[in-house]
Amino acid sequence: CGGTPNPNNTRFVPYPEEAQVLGLVNAFRSQARACGAQ
C-alpha cells in the first residue's frame, strides 16, 4: 500500500482526488457543449 512505487505493483483503490476526476469528467459529458468550434 505504500513506499516506493514498483512498476509491477497495482493499487487497490484510487486516491480520492483521482476518483473525483471521474465525477468531473462524467458531469462534463452529461451535457452537450462546444469544444472550440466543434
PDB file of all heavy atoms in Angstrom:
ATOM      1  N   CYS A   1       0.795  -1.230   0.000  1.00  0.00           N
ATOM      2  CA  CYS A   1       0.000   0.000   0.000  1.00  0.00           C
ATOM      3  C   CYS A   1       0.824   1.275   0.000  1.00  0.00           C
ATOM      4  O   CYS A   1       0.269   2.355  -0.119  1.00  0.00           O
ATOM      5  CB  CYS A   1      -0.918   0.012   1.228  1.00  0.00           C
ATOM      6  SG  CYS A   1      -2.139  -1.289   1.200  1.00  0.00           S
ATOM      7  N   GLY A   2       2.103   1.199   0.139  1.00  0.00           N
ATOM      8  CA  GLY A   2       2.874   2.437   0.207  1.00  0.00           C
ATOM      9  C   GLY A   2       4.304   2.203  -0.181  1.00  0.00           C
ATOM     10  O   GLY A   2       4.647   1.225  -0.809  1.00  0.00           O
ATOM     11  N   GLY A   3       5.145   3.130   0.190  1.00  0.00           N
ATOM     12  CA  GLY A   3       6.559   3.002  -0.111  1.00  0.00           C
ATOM     13  C   GLY A   3       6.863   3.423  -1.524  1.00  0.00           C
ATOM     14  O   GLY A   3       6.079   4.093  -2.181  1.00  0.00           O
ATOM     15  N   THR A   4       8.018   2.992  -1.996  1.00  0.00           N
ATOM     16  CA  THR A   4       8.448   3.347  -3.336  1.00  0.00           C
ATOM     17  C   THR A   4       7.643   2.570  -4.354  1.00  0.00           C
ATOM     18  O   THR A   4       7.562   1.354  -4.279  1.00  0.00           O
ATOM     19  CB  THR A   4       9.950   3.033  -3.507  1.00  0.00           C
ATOM     20  OG1 THR A   4      10.651   3.745  -2.504  1.00  0.00           O
ATOM     21  CG2 THR A   4      10.435   3.448  -4.870  1.00  0.00           C
ATOM     22  N   PRO A   5       7.026   3.243  -5.329  1.00  0.00           N
ATOM     23  CA  PRO A   5       6.229   2.539  -6.321  1.00  0.00           C
ATOM     24  C   PRO A   5       7.096   1.581  -7.139  1.00  0.00           C
ATOM     25  O   PRO A   5       8.210   1.901  -7.512  1.00  0.00           O
ATOM     26  CB  PRO A   5       5.686   3.663  -7.209  1.00  0.00           C
ATOM     27  CG  PRO A   5       5.790   4.883  -6.374  1.00  0.00           C
ATOM     28  CD  PRO A   5       6.966   4.675  -5.471  1.00  0.00           C
ATOM     29  N   ASN A   6       6.565   0.420  -7.378  1.00  0.00           N
ATOM     30  CA  ASN A   6       7.214  -0.585  -8.212  1.00  0.00           C
ATOM     31  C   ASN A   6       6.339  -0.761  -9.440  1.00  0.00           C
ATOM     32  O   ASN A   6       5.143  -0.998  -9.306  1.00  0.00           O
ATOM     33  CB  ASN A   6       7.312  -1.891  -7.420  1.00  0.00           C
ATOM     34  CG  ASN A   6       7.874  -3.032  -8.223  1.00  0.00           C
ATOM     35  OD1 ASN A   6       7.840  -3.039  -9.448  1.00  0.00           O
ATOM     36  ND2 ASN A   6       8.392  -4.022  -7.516  1.00  0.00           N
ATOM     37  N   PRO A   7       6.878  -0.678 -10.648  1.00  0.00           N
ATOM     38  CA  PRO A   7       6.065  -0.769 -11.851  1.00  0.00           C
ATOM     39  C   PRO A   7       5.263  -2.059 -11.957  1.00  0.00           C
ATOM     40  O   PRO A   7       4.323  -2.140 -12.719  1.00  0.00           O
ATOM     41  CB  PRO A   7       7.071  -0.665 -12.992  1.00  0.00           C
ATOM     42  CG  PRO A   7       8.272  -0.046 -12.399  1.00  0.00           C
ATOM     43  CD  PRO A   7       8.271  -0.399 -10.947  1.00  0.00           C
ATOM     44  N   ASN A   8       5.611  -3.075 -11.173  1.00  0.00           N
ATOM     45  CA  ASN A   8       4.856  -4.329 -11.220  1.00  0.00           C
ATOM     46  C   ASN A   8       3.705  -4.352 -10.223  1.00  0.00           C
ATOM     47  O   ASN A   8       2.912  -5.271 -10.221  1.00  0.00           O
ATOM     48  CB  ASN A   8       5.798  -5.508 -10.958  1.00  0.00           C
ATOM     49  CG  ASN A   8       6.848  -5.604 -12.042  1.00  0.00           C
ATOM     50  OD1 ASN A   8       6.542  -5.419 -13.204  1.00  0.00           O
ATOM     51  ND2 ASN A   8       8.076  -5.862 -11.653  1.00  0.00           N
ATOM     52  N   ASN A   9       3.640  -3.354  -9.352  1.00  0.00           N
ATOM     53  CA  ASN A   9       2.564  -3.281  -8.371  1.00  0.00           C
ATOM     54  C   ASN A   9       1.325  -2.644  -8.969  1.00  0.00           C
ATOM     55  O   ASN A   9       1.396  -1.926  -9.956  1.00  0.00           O
ATOM     56  CB  ASN A   9       2.982  -2.450  -7.154  1.00  0.00           C
ATOM     57  CG  ASN A   9       3.990  -3.157  -6.283  1.00  0.00           C
ATOM     58  OD1 ASN A   9       4.151  -4.372  -6.368  1.00  0.00           O
ATOM     59  ND2 ASN A   9       4.681  -2.407  -5.464  1.00  0.00           N
ATOM     60  N   THR A  10       0.220  -2.893  -8.337  1.00  0.00           N
ATOM     61  CA  THR A  10      -1.007  -2.166  -8.648  1.00  0.00           C
ATOM     62  C   THR A  10      -1.540  -1.637  -7.325  1.00  0.00           C
ATOM     63  O   THR A  10      -1.138  -2.084  -6.259  1.00  0.00           O
ATOM     64  CB  THR A  10      -2.068  -3.067  -9.308  1.00  0.00           C
ATOM     65  OG1 THR A  10      -2.362  -4.159  -8.426  1.00  0.00           O
ATOM     66  CG2 THR A  10      -1.593  -3.601 -10.639  1.00  0.00           C
ATOM     67  N   ARG A  11      -2.433  -0.709  -7.424  1.00  0.00           N
ATOM     68  CA  ARG A  11      -3.055  -0.170  -6.224  1.00  0.00           C
ATOM     69  C   ARG A  11      -4.436  -0.795  -6.089  1.00  0.00           C
ATOM     70  O   ARG A  11      -5.046  -1.206  -7.061  1.00  0.00           O
ATOM     71  CB  ARG A  11      -3.185   1.347  -6.342  1.00  0.00           C
ATOM     72  CG  ARG A  11      -1.838   2.021  -6.407  1.00  0.00           C
ATOM     73  CD  ARG A  11      -1.973   3.509  -6.519  1.00  0.00           C
ATOM     74  NE  ARG A  11      -2.737   3.839  -7.702  1.00  0.00           N
ATOM     75  CZ  ARG A  11      -3.385   4.981  -7.877  1.00  0.00           C
ATOM     76  NH1 ARG A  11      -3.356   5.893  -6.969  1.00  0.00           N
ATOM     77  NH2 ARG A  11      -4.037   5.203  -8.972  1.00  0.00           N
ATOM     78  N   PHE A  12      -4.938  -0.818  -4.883  1.00  0.00           N
ATOM     79  CA  PHE A  12      -6.263  -1.380  -4.656  1.00  0.00           C
ATOM     80  C   PHE A  12      -7.360  -0.355  -4.890  1.00  0.00           C
ATOM     81  O   PHE A  12      -8.420  -0.665  -5.382  1.00  0.00           O
ATOM     82  CB  PHE A  12      -6.371  -1.938  -3.238  1.00  0.00           C
ATOM     83  CG  PHE A  12      -5.403  -3.051  -2.974  1.00  0.00           C
ATOM     84  CD1 PHE A  12      -4.296  -2.853  -2.186  1.00  0.00           C
ATOM     85  CD2 PHE A  12      -5.585  -4.296  -3.543  1.00  0.00           C
ATOM     86  CE1 PHE A  12      -3.402  -3.868  -1.950  1.00  0.00           C
ATOM     87  CE2 PHE A  12      -4.694  -5.323  -3.323  1.00  0.00           C
ATOM     88  CZ  PHE A  12      -3.599  -5.114  -2.527  1.00  0.00           C
ATOM     89  N   VAL A  13      -7.102   0.893  -4.524  1.00  0.00           N
ATOM     90  CA  VAL A  13      -8.119   1.938  -4.577  1.00  0.00           C
ATOM     91  C   VAL A  13      -7.472   3.224  -5.083  1.00  0.00           C
ATOM     92  O   VAL A  13      -6.375   3.575  -4.660  1.00  0.00           O
ATOM     93  CB  VAL A  13      -8.699   2.192  -3.161  1.00  0.00           C
ATOM     94  CG1 VAL A  13      -9.770   3.265  -3.193  1.00  0.00           C
ATOM     95  CG2 VAL A  13      -9.251   0.914  -2.559  1.00  0.00           C
ATOM     96  N   PRO A  14      -8.144   3.947  -5.983  1.00  0.00           N
ATOM     97  CA  PRO A  14      -7.574   5.236  -6.416  1.00  0.00           C
ATOM     98  C   PRO A  14      -7.601   6.238  -5.258  1.00  0.00           C
ATOM     99  O   PRO A  14      -8.397   6.139  -4.340  1.00  0.00           O
ATOM    100  CB  PRO A  14      -8.493   5.683  -7.547  1.00  0.00           C
ATOM    101  CG  PRO A  14      -9.741   4.918  -7.383  1.00  0.00           C
ATOM    102  CD  PRO A  14      -9.410   3.653  -6.650  1.00  0.00           C
ATOM    103  N   TYR A  15      -6.692   7.217  -5.341  1.00  0.00           N
ATOM    104  CA  TYR A  15      -6.740   8.318  -4.384  1.00  0.00           C
ATOM    105  C   TYR A  15      -8.072   9.039  -4.554  1.00  0.00           C
ATOM    106  O   TYR A  15      -8.647   9.078  -5.653  1.00  0.00           O
ATOM    107  CB  TYR A  15      -5.605   9.307  -4.630  1.00  0.00           C
ATOM    108  CG  TYR A  15      -4.220   8.775  -4.350  1.00  0.00           C
ATOM    109  CD1 TYR A  15      -3.170   9.098  -5.198  1.00  0.00           C
ATOM    110  CD2 TYR A  15      -3.938   7.993  -3.235  1.00  0.00           C
ATOM    111  CE1 TYR A  15      -1.873   8.646  -4.942  1.00  0.00           C
ATOM    112  CE2 TYR A  15      -2.661   7.540  -2.976  1.00  0.00           C
ATOM    113  CZ  TYR A  15      -1.636   7.867  -3.837  1.00  0.00           C
ATOM    114  OH  TYR A  15      -0.370   7.423  -3.585  1.00  0.00           O
ATOM    115  N   PRO A  16      -8.581   9.674  -3.496  1.00  0.00           N
ATOM    116  CA  PRO A  16      -9.866  10.383  -3.615  1.00  0.00           C
ATOM    117  C   PRO A  16      -9.861  11.435  -4.723  1.00  0.00           C
ATOM    118  O   PRO A  16     -10.852  11.597  -5.437  1.00  0.00           O
ATOM    119  CB  PRO A  16     -10.053  11.035  -2.238  1.00  0.00           C
ATOM    120  CG  PRO A  16      -9.180  10.261  -1.311  1.00  0.00           C
ATOM    121  CD  PRO A  16      -8.042   9.724  -2.138  1.00  0.00           C
ATOM    122  N   GLU A  17      -8.742  12.143  -4.888  1.00  0.00           N
ATOM    123  CA  GLU A  17      -8.665  13.180  -5.919  1.00  0.00           C
ATOM    124  C   GLU A  17      -8.760  12.581  -7.324  1.00  0.00           C
ATOM    125  O   GLU A  17      -9.323  13.186  -8.226  1.00  0.00           O
ATOM    126  CB  GLU A  17      -7.352  13.966  -5.785  1.00  0.00           C
ATOM    127  CG  GLU A  17      -7.238  14.764  -4.509  1.00  0.00           C
ATOM    128  CD  GLU A  17      -6.713  13.938  -3.333  1.00  0.00           C
ATOM    129  OE1 GLU A  17      -6.543  12.706  -3.453  1.00  0.00           O
ATOM    130  OE2 GLU A  17      -6.482  14.533  -2.269  1.00  0.00           O
ATOM    131  N   GLU A  18      -8.205  11.393  -7.510  1.00  0.00           N
ATOM    132  CA  GLU A  18      -8.285  10.725  -8.813  1.00  0.00           C
ATOM    133  C   GLU A  18      -9.723  10.313  -9.103  1.00  0.00           C
ATOM    134  O   GLU A  18     -10.219  10.500 -10.224  1.00  0.00           O
ATOM    135  CB  GLU A  18      -7.374   9.498  -8.840  1.00  0.00           C
ATOM    136  CG  GLU A  18      -5.908   9.833  -8.717  1.00  0.00           C
ATOM    137  CD  GLU A  18      -5.047   8.640  -8.388  1.00  0.00           C
ATOM    138  OE1 GLU A  18      -5.548   7.625  -7.851  1.00  0.00           O
ATOM    139  OE2 GLU A  18      -3.841   8.726  -8.666  1.00  0.00           O
ATOM    140  N   ALA A  19     -10.392   9.762  -8.103  1.00  0.00           N
ATOM    141  CA  ALA A  19     -11.789   9.370  -8.274  1.00  0.00           C
ATOM    142  C   ALA A  19     -12.667  10.592  -8.569  1.00  0.00           C
ATOM    143  O   ALA A  19     -13.632  10.502  -9.326  1.00  0.00           O
ATOM    144  CB  ALA A  19     -12.285   8.632  -7.031  1.00  0.00           C
ATOM    145  N   GLN A  20     -12.304  11.740  -7.993  1.00  0.00           N
ATOM    146  CA  GLN A  20     -13.062  12.969  -8.269  1.00  0.00           C
ATOM    147  C   GLN A  20     -12.965  13.355  -9.740  1.00  0.00           C
ATOM    148  O   GLN A  20     -13.906  13.919 -10.294  1.00  0.00           O
ATOM    149  CB  GLN A  20     -12.572  14.114  -7.391  1.00  0.00           C
ATOM    150  CG  GLN A  20     -12.965  13.971  -5.944  1.00  0.00           C
ATOM    151  CD  GLN A  20     -12.348  15.049  -5.072  1.00  0.00           C
ATOM    152  OE1 GLN A  20     -11.699  15.975  -5.548  1.00  0.00           O
ATOM    153  NE2 GLN A  20     -12.539  14.927  -3.769  1.00  0.00           N
ATOM    154  N   VAL A  21     -11.837  13.055 -10.377  1.00  0.00           N
ATOM    155  CA  VAL A  21     -11.696  13.369 -11.805  1.00  0.00           C
ATOM    156  C   VAL A  21     -12.760  12.613 -12.607  1.00  0.00           C
ATOM    157  O   VAL A  21     -13.363  13.178 -13.515  1.00  0.00           O
ATOM    158  CB  VAL A  21     -10.269  13.063 -12.316  1.00  0.00           C
ATOM    159  CG1 VAL A  21     -10.185  13.234 -13.829  1.00  0.00           C
ATOM    160  CG2 VAL A  21      -9.255  13.968 -11.630  1.00  0.00           C
ATOM    161  N   LEU A  22     -13.016  11.366 -12.261  1.00  0.00           N
ATOM    162  CA  LEU A  22     -14.073  10.605 -12.942  1.00  0.00           C
ATOM    163  C   LEU A  22     -15.413  11.323 -12.816  1.00  0.00           C
ATOM    164  O   LEU A  22     -16.130  11.488 -13.806  1.00  0.00           O
ATOM    165  CB  LEU A  22     -14.177   9.191 -12.381  1.00  0.00           C
ATOM    166  CG  LEU A  22     -15.329   8.339 -12.925  1.00  0.00           C
ATOM    167  CD1 LEU A  22     -15.160   8.067 -14.417  1.00  0.00           C
ATOM    168  CD2 LEU A  22     -15.429   7.021 -12.145  1.00  0.00           C
ATOM    169  N   GLY A  23     -15.751  11.785 -11.629  1.00  0.00           N
ATOM    170  CA  GLY A  23     -17.008  12.512 -11.437  1.00  0.00           C
ATOM    171  C   GLY A  23     -17.061  13.801 -12.235  1.00  0.00           C
ATOM    172  O   GLY A  23     -18.099  14.131 -12.829  1.00  0.00           O
ATOM    173  N   LEU A  24     -15.948  14.524 -12.277  1.00  0.00           N
ATOM    174  CA  LEU A  24     -15.903  15.777 -13.040  1.00  0.00           C
ATOM    175  C   LEU A  24     -16.079  15.516 -14.532  1.00  0.00           C
ATOM    176  O   LEU A  24     -16.827  16.223 -15.214  1.00  0.00           O
ATOM    177  CB  LEU A  24     -14.580  16.500 -12.785  1.00  0.00           C
ATOM    178  CG  LEU A  24     -14.380  17.064 -11.381  1.00  0.00           C
ATOM    179  CD1 LEU A  24     -12.928  17.468 -11.154  1.00  0.00           C
ATOM    180  CD2 LEU A  24     -15.317  18.249 -11.160  1.00  0.00           C
ATOM    181  N   VAL A  25     -15.393  14.494 -15.036  1.00  0.00           N
ATOM    182  CA  VAL A  25     -15.499  14.178 -16.464  1.00  0.00           C
ATOM    183  C   VAL A  25     -16.909  13.710 -16.798  1.00  0.00           C
ATOM    184  O   VAL A  25     -17.488  14.132 -17.806  1.00  0.00           O
ATOM    185  CB  VAL A  25     -14.440  13.131 -16.882  1.00  0.00           C
ATOM    186  CG1 VAL A  25     -14.672  12.660 -18.313  1.00  0.00           C
ATOM    187  CG2 VAL A  25     -13.036  13.705 -16.740  1.00  0.00           C
ATOM    188  N   ASN A  26     -17.490  12.865 -15.970  1.00  0.00           N
ATOM    189  CA  ASN A  26     -18.844  12.380 -16.259  1.00  0.00           C
ATOM    190  C   ASN A  26     -19.875  13.498 -16.182  1.00  0.00           C
ATOM    191  O   ASN A  26     -20.813  13.541 -16.988  1.00  0.00           O
ATOM    192  CB  ASN A  26     -19.204  11.199 -15.358  1.00  0.00           C
ATOM    193  CG  ASN A  26     -18.565   9.920 -15.841  1.00  0.00           C
ATOM    194  OD1 ASN A  26     -18.231   9.781 -17.020  1.00  0.00           O
ATOM    195  ND2 ASN A  26     -18.404   8.967 -14.947  1.00  0.00           N
ATOM    196  N   ALA A  27     -19.726  14.423 -15.246  1.00  0.00           N
ATOM    197  CA  ALA A  27     -20.635  15.585 -15.195  1.00  0.00           C
ATOM    198  C   ALA A  27     -20.455  16.428 -16.454  1.00  0.00           C
ATOM    199  O   ALA A  27     -21.434  16.914 -17.032  1.00  0.00           O
ATOM    200  CB  ALA A  27     -20.365  16.415 -13.938  1.00  0.00           C
ATOM    201  N   PHE A  28     -19.228  16.593 -16.900  1.00  0.00           N
ATOM    202  CA  PHE A  28     -18.914  17.351 -18.115  1.00  0.00           C
ATOM    203  C   PHE A  28     -19.565  16.695 -19.332  1.00  0.00           C
ATOM    204  O   PHE A  28     -20.174  17.361 -20.162  1.00  0.00           O
ATOM    205  CB  PHE A  28     -17.387  17.377 -18.262  1.00  0.00           C
ATOM    206  CG  PHE A  28     -16.852  18.288 -19.324  1.00  0.00           C
ATOM    207  CD1 PHE A  28     -16.815  19.655 -19.143  1.00  0.00           C
ATOM    208  CD2 PHE A  28     -16.330  17.770 -20.499  1.00  0.00           C
ATOM    209  CE1 PHE A  28     -16.276  20.498 -20.107  1.00  0.00           C
ATOM    210  CE2 PHE A  28     -15.786  18.598 -21.461  1.00  0.00           C
ATOM    211  CZ  PHE A  28     -15.766  19.966 -21.269  1.00  0.00           C
ATOM    212  N   ARG A  29     -19.444  15.373 -19.428  1.00  0.00           N
ATOM    213  CA  ARG A  29     -20.001  14.630 -20.566  1.00  0.00           C
ATOM    214  C   ARG A  29     -21.535  14.600 -20.566  1.00  0.00           C
ATOM    215  O   ARG A  29     -22.146  14.339 -21.597  1.00  0.00           O
ATOM    216  CB  ARG A  29     -19.491  13.184 -20.551  1.00  0.00           C
ATOM    217  CG  ARG A  29     -18.048  13.054 -20.957  1.00  0.00           C
ATOM    218  CD  ARG A  29     -17.514  11.646 -20.713  1.00  0.00           C
ATOM    219  NE  ARG A  29     -18.157  10.601 -21.477  1.00  0.00           N
ATOM    220  CZ  ARG A  29     -17.688  10.090 -22.619  1.00  0.00           C
ATOM    221  NH1 ARG A  29     -16.563  10.562 -23.131  1.00  0.00           N
ATOM    222  NH2 ARG A  29     -18.331   9.111 -23.226  1.00  0.00           N
ATOM    223  N   SER A  30     -22.145  14.859 -19.436  1.00  0.00           N
ATOM    224  CA  SER A  30     -23.597  14.728 -19.329  1.00  0.00           C
ATOM    225  C   SER A  30     -24.369  15.848 -20.029  1.00  0.00           C
ATOM    226  O   SER A  30     -25.589  15.758 -20.150  1.00  0.00           O
ATOM    227  CB  SER A  30     -24.020  14.667 -17.857  1.00  0.00           C
ATOM    228  OG  SER A  30     -23.876  15.932 -17.236  1.00  0.00           O
ATOM    229  N   GLN A  31     -23.662  16.866 -20.502  1.00  0.00           N
ATOM    230  CA  GLN A  31     -24.321  17.990 -21.166  1.00  0.00           C
ATOM    231  C   GLN A  31     -23.678  18.245 -22.521  1.00  0.00           C
ATOM    232  O   GLN A  31     -22.463  18.149 -22.672  1.00  0.00           O
ATOM    233  CB  GLN A  31     -24.192  19.256 -20.321  1.00  0.00           C
ATOM    234  CG  GLN A  31     -24.854  19.154 -18.978  1.00  0.00           C
ATOM    235  CD  GLN A  31     -24.660  20.420 -18.172  1.00  0.00           C
ATOM    236  OE1 GLN A  31     -24.387  21.489 -18.713  1.00  0.00           O
ATOM    237  NE2 GLN A  31     -24.807  20.319 -16.865  1.00  0.00           N
ATOM    238  N   ALA A  32     -24.518  18.596 -23.500  1.00  0.00           N
ATOM    239  CA  ALA A  32     -23.995  18.989 -24.809  1.00  0.00           C
ATOM    240  C   ALA A  32     -23.135  20.229 -24.631  1.00  0.00           C
ATOM    241  O   ALA A  32     -23.402  21.062 -23.754  1.00  0.00           O
ATOM    242  CB  ALA A  32     -25.151  19.266 -25.767  1.00  0.00           C
ATOM    243  N   ARG A  33     -22.087  20.338 -25.455  1.00  0.00           N
ATOM    244  CA  ARG A  33     -21.219  21.508 -25.322  1.00  0.00           C
ATOM    245  C   ARG A  33     -20.383  21.711 -26.565  1.00  0.00           C
ATOM    246  O   ARG A  33     -20.264  20.822 -27.400  1.00  0.00           O
ATOM    247  CB  ARG A  33     -20.340  21.417 -24.093  1.00  0.00           C
ATOM    248  CG  ARG A  33     -19.305  20.350 -24.105  1.00  0.00           C
ATOM    249  CD  ARG A  33     -18.525  20.270 -22.794  1.00  0.00           C
ATOM    250  NE  ARG A  33     -19.355  19.887 -21.673  1.00  0.00           N
ATOM    251  CZ  ARG A  33     -19.718  20.720 -20.683  1.00  0.00           C
ATOM    252  NH1 ARG A  33     -19.313  21.959 -20.665  1.00  0.00           N
ATOM    253  NH2 ARG A  33     -20.483  20.305 -19.711  1.00  0.00           N
ATOM    254  N   ALA A  34     -19.801  22.896 -26.635  1.00  0.00           N
ATOM    255  CA  ALA A  34     -18.867  23.228 -27.714  1.00  0.00           C
ATOM    256  C   ALA A  34     -17.452  23.075 -27.181  1.00  0.00           C
ATOM    257  O   ALA A  34     -17.140  23.499 -26.071  1.00  0.00           O
ATOM    258  CB  ALA A  34     -19.099  24.649 -28.200  1.00  0.00           C
ATOM    259  N   CYS A  35     -16.612  22.462 -27.995  1.00  0.00           N
ATOM    260  CA  CYS A  35     -15.178  22.370 -27.712  1.00  0.00           C
ATOM    261  C   CYS A  35     -14.492  23.097 -28.855  1.00  0.00           C
ATOM    262  O   CYS A  35     -14.366  22.549 -29.956  1.00  0.00           O
ATOM    263  CB  CYS A  35     -14.729  20.911 -27.638  1.00  0.00           C
ATOM    264  SG  CYS A  35     -15.512  19.975 -26.308  1.00  0.00           S
ATOM    265  N   GLY A  36     -14.108  24.343 -28.609  1.00  0.00           N
ATOM    266  CA  GLY A  36     -13.625  25.178 -29.698  1.00  0.00           C
ATOM    267  C   GLY A  36     -14.793  25.415 -30.646  1.00  0.00           C
ATOM    268  O   GLY A  36     -15.880  25.790 -30.228  1.00  0.00           O
ATOM    269  N   ALA A  37     -14.600  25.149 -31.933  1.00  0.00           N
ATOM    270  CA  ALA A  37     -15.658  25.333 -32.930  1.00  0.00           C
ATOM    271  C   ALA A  37     -16.513  24.090 -33.119  1.00  0.00           C
ATOM    272  O   ALA A  37     -17.473  24.102 -33.877  1.00  0.00           O
ATOM    273  CB  ALA A  37     -15.033  25.728 -34.269  1.00  0.00           C
ATOM    274  N   GLN A  38     -16.165  23.009 -32.437  1.00  0.00           N
ATOM    275  CA  GLN A  38     -16.849  21.729 -32.621  1.00  0.00           C
ATOM    276  C   GLN A  38     -17.949  21.543 -31.569  1.00  0.00           C
ATOM    277  O   GLN A  38     -17.725  21.751 -30.379  1.00  0.00           O
ATOM    278  CB  GLN A  38     -15.811  20.608 -32.508  1.00  0.00           C
ATOM    279  CG  GLN A  38     -16.223  19.319 -33.122  1.00  0.00           C
ATOM    280  CD  GLN A  38     -15.050  18.324 -33.124  1.00  0.00           C
ATOM    281  OE1 GLN A  38     -13.973  18.606 -32.620  1.00  0.00           O
ATOM    282  NE2 GLN A  38     -15.294  17.164 -33.694  1.00  0.00           N
TER     283      GLN A  38
END
